[in-house]
Amino acid sequence: MLTIERRVQGVLLGMFVALLVAIATAFAFTRYMATTAGWVSHTHAVMTTIETARTDIAHALSDTRAYVITGDTAFLAVKNRKVADLLQQLARLHRMTSDNATEQAHIRTLTALVGVWRARLGDVARARTVQGFAAAAALVQERYAATASEPVLGVLGDMHALEQRLLLRRRAKEERLRHIVVALFAVLGCFALILSLIVY
């Protein structure tokens, strides 16, 4: 039979081991959560950039229509600025998603589609400048530039959906890990309780 002194030493050793496991688990969990928080923040930034690109497209189309209706070149300047903003957003998306082959394929597709869309916006603006209101209005009426924006918006939607899935996956993994850590601490607590009962 073990003496009280041996029991106490065993309990203290067991509690020390449990404490080391708890500290190591807490450290690993904290590091993982910090990394995950960085990825979650990155994913949100990508999604925000996609939304900004969508907004730039809508504004460029709207300003082109306003130029067609009014002939005011101020709308043309705003349209050109929004197109330039869109190109900056695409460059930013290219950098932000450099680690994701699927998103990089989307960017390559977008680059080609945006080229077609920009050309059509330019055609509408030139029609208004050179041929007048009726010619440009006919292009707007047949949705000449708007139909070219639909595939662009579709690819941006696909990118957004992919980022949303990544975000949900990361959050689900984070939640599973949180449950594992809570269960581990519960087991360690029970272990410490059992060890303390051994002393008595």
Foldseek 3Di string as FASTA:
>chain_A
DDDLVVLVVVLVVLLVVLVVVLVVLVVVLVVLVVVLVVLLVLLVVLLVLLVLLVVLLVLLLVLLVVCLVPVDCVSVVSNVVSLVSNVVSLVVNCVSCVVPPVSVVLSVVLVVLSVLLVVQSVVLNVCCVPVNNVRSVVCVVVCVNPVSCVVNNVSSVVVNVVSVVVSVVSVVVSVVSVVVSVVSVVVSVVSSVVSVVSSD
